[in-house]
Amino acid sequence: MRSKSTRTVIGLATAAGLVTAVSIGIAGGASAASGTSEATMTTQPPKGARATVEVTPNPTSQRGQEVTITGNCGGGTGLKSVLGGFPEHPALENIRIIDAGPDHFVAKATVAQHIGNGVGPVFVDCGGEAGVTLLVTHV
């Protein structure tokens, strides 16, 4: 049986892939349909992938630097967890949820000491809605 964190990562990764696929489909449809107005196009992600997330500062410049994770649960019940990187290679450590509110959440974390230059995902689980963004590190 898979652990809860493994199931969360798989679920968040699936949601991120779905959001990416739908975004590419919407963008492709927009470029293919000449004369289509913005008002007639759907811009909302599919149910289950409507949480938004932002990391500040981004890009980060130091190992051990504190970052702030904010966003909106997009209809979810509230922030349940934050995952930076992957369980085997976490990019964020000491993750603390400050405000789990569904309309606006806030969490704090520190950039892992082993992180180098690169890009990695930051996932949020908002109780029924998931979100993902990219954290850029330049250390």
Protein backbone atom coordinates (compact mmCIF):
# COMPACT_ATOMS: atom_id res chain seq x y z
CA MET A 1 0.00 0.00 0.00
CA ARG A 2 1.31 3.45 -0.89
CA SER A 3 1.94 6.03 1.80
CA LYS A 4 -0.21 9.14 2.08
CA SER A 5 2.63 11.41 0.88
CA THR A 6 3.24 9.20 -2.18
CA ARG A 7 -0.47 9.28 -3.05
CA THR A 8 -0.49 13.06 -2.60
CA VAL A 9 2.52 13.49 -4.90
CA ILE A 10 1.00 11.23 -7.54
CA GLY A 11 -2.31 13.08 -7.32
CA LEU A 12 -0.66 16.49 -7.52
CA ALA A 13 1.57 15.42 -10.40
CA THR A 14 -1.48 14.09 -12.26
CA ALA A 15 -3.33 17.37 -11.65
CA ALA A 16 -0.31 19.35 -12.85
CA GLY A 17 -0.14 17.26 -16.01
CA LEU A 18 -3.84 17.73 -16.60
CA VAL A 19 -3.55 21.49 -16.18
CA THR A 20 -0.63 21.57 -18.61
CA ALA A 21 -2.47 19.45 -21.19
CA VAL A 22 -5.62 21.57 -20.95
CA SER A 23 -3.60 24.81 -21.16
CA ILE A 24 -1.82 23.57 -24.27
CA GLY A 25 -5.16 22.49 -25.74
CA ILE A 26 -6.73 25.88 -25.02
CA ALA A 27 -3.74 27.74 -26.48
CA GLY A 28 -3.70 25.49 -29.53
CA GLY A 29 -7.42 25.97 -30.03
CA ALA A 30 -7.03 29.73 -29.72
CA SER A 31 -4.35 29.87 -32.39
CA ALA A 32 -6.22 27.52 -34.71
CA ALA A 33 -9.55 29.33 -34.56
CA SER A 34 -9.07 32.67 -36.23
CA GLY A 35 -11.60 35.27 -35.20
CA THR A 36 -12.37 33.55 -31.88
CA SER A 37 -12.80 36.15 -29.17
CA GLU A 38 -11.25 35.87 -25.71
CA ALA A 39 -14.71 36.11 -24.14
CA THR A 40 -15.86 32.86 -25.74
CA MET A 41 -12.84 30.82 -24.61
CA THR A 42 -12.81 28.97 -21.29
CA THR A 43 -9.79 29.98 -19.22
CA GLN A 44 -10.59 28.15 -15.99
CA PRO A 45 -8.66 24.91 -15.33
CA PRO A 46 -10.62 21.67 -14.87
CA LYS A 47 -12.17 20.77 -11.51
CA GLY A 48 -9.52 19.31 -9.23
CA ALA A 49 -6.75 21.58 -10.57
CA ARG A 50 -8.06 25.06 -9.76
CA ALA A 51 -5.81 26.06 -6.87
CA THR A 52 -3.32 28.81 -7.65
CA VAL A 53 0.09 29.07 -6.01
CA GLU A 54 2.94 31.58 -6.04
CA VAL A 55 6.36 31.47 -4.39
CA THR A 56 8.12 34.68 -3.32
CA PRO A 57 10.95 35.43 -3.87
CA ASN A 58 11.21 33.51 -7.09
CA PRO A 59 13.90 32.97 -8.26
CA THR A 60 15.62 32.30 -4.97
CA SER A 61 19.29 33.11 -4.52
CA GLN A 62 20.46 31.35 -1.35
CA ARG A 63 20.30 27.92 0.22
CA GLY A 64 18.40 28.18 3.50
CA GLN A 65 16.52 31.26 2.26
CA GLU A 66 12.97 31.61 3.55
CA VAL A 67 10.26 31.71 0.89
CA THR A 68 6.58 32.51 1.16
CA ILE A 69 4.00 30.35 -0.59
CA THR A 70 0.66 32.08 -1.23
CA GLY A 71 -2.40 31.38 -3.31
CA ASN A 72 -6.07 30.60 -3.56
CA CYS A 73 -7.67 27.18 -3.16
CA GLY A 74 -9.95 27.67 -6.18
CA GLY A 75 -12.98 26.17 -4.47
CA GLY A 76 -11.09 23.68 -2.30
CA THR A 77 -11.66 23.45 1.46
CA GLY A 78 -8.33 24.99 2.50
CA LEU A 79 -4.60 24.36 2.32
CA LYS A 80 -3.80 20.82 3.52
CA SER A 81 -0.17 20.41 2.44
CA VAL A 82 2.70 21.91 0.45
CA LEU A 83 5.40 19.89 -1.27
CA GLY A 84 8.49 21.48 -2.80
CA GLY A 85 10.35 19.15 -5.15
CA PHE A 86 9.72 15.44 -4.67
CA PRO A 87 9.75 13.30 -1.50
CA GLU A 88 13.10 11.71 -2.43
CA HIS A 89 14.64 15.13 -3.29
CA PRO A 90 12.85 17.92 -1.42
CA ALA A 91 13.58 21.47 -2.58
CA LEU A 92 11.79 23.00 0.41
CA GLU A 93 12.23 22.14 4.07
CA ASN A 94 10.61 23.23 7.32
CA ILE A 95 7.28 23.91 5.57
CA ARG A 96 4.83 25.69 7.87
CA ILE A 97 1.23 26.54 7.03
CA ILE A 98 0.54 30.00 8.47
CA ASP A 99 -3.01 30.53 7.16
CA ALA A 100 -4.91 27.66 5.52
CA GLY A 101 -7.88 29.79 4.40
CA PRO A 102 -9.57 28.66 1.19
CA ASP A 103 -9.73 32.18 -0.31
CA HIS A 104 -6.11 33.07 0.49
CA PHE A 105 -3.50 30.78 2.01
CA VAL A 106 0.00 31.49 3.29
CA ALA A 107 2.83 29.09 4.07
CA LYS A 108 6.54 29.56 4.78
CA ALA A 109 9.46 27.26 3.99
CA THR A 110 13.23 27.30 3.58
CA VAL A 111 15.19 26.32 0.49
CA ALA A 112 17.00 23.01 1.09
CA GLN A 113 20.76 23.18 1.72
CA HIS A 114 21.53 20.65 -1.06
CA ILE A 115 19.74 22.59 -3.81
CA GLY A 116 21.72 23.87 -6.79
CA ASN A 117 20.76 25.97 -9.79
CA GLY A 118 17.59 24.77 -11.48
CA VAL A 119 13.82 24.60 -11.62
CA GLY A 120 11.51 22.42 -9.58
CA PRO A 121 7.80 22.08 -8.81
CA VAL A 122 5.95 23.38 -5.75
CA PHE A 123 2.65 21.53 -5.26
CA VAL A 124 -0.28 22.48 -3.02
CA ASP A 125 -3.16 20.28 -1.88
CA CYS A 126 -6.23 22.35 -1.08
CA GLY A 127 -8.71 19.63 -0.12
CA GLY A 128 -10.30 18.81 -3.46
CA GLU A 129 -8.25 21.20 -5.58
CA ALA A 130 -4.54 21.07 -6.41
CA GLY A 131 -2.11 23.59 -7.80
CA VAL A 132 1.49 23.73 -8.97
CA THR A 133 4.07 26.36 -9.82
CA LEU A 134 7.77 26.30 -10.56
CA LEU A 135 10.49 27.43 -8.16
CA VAL A 136 13.64 28.70 -9.82
CA THR A 137 16.87 28.50 -7.83
CA HIS A 138 20.02 30.41 -8.69
CA VAL A 139 22.40 29.77 -5.80
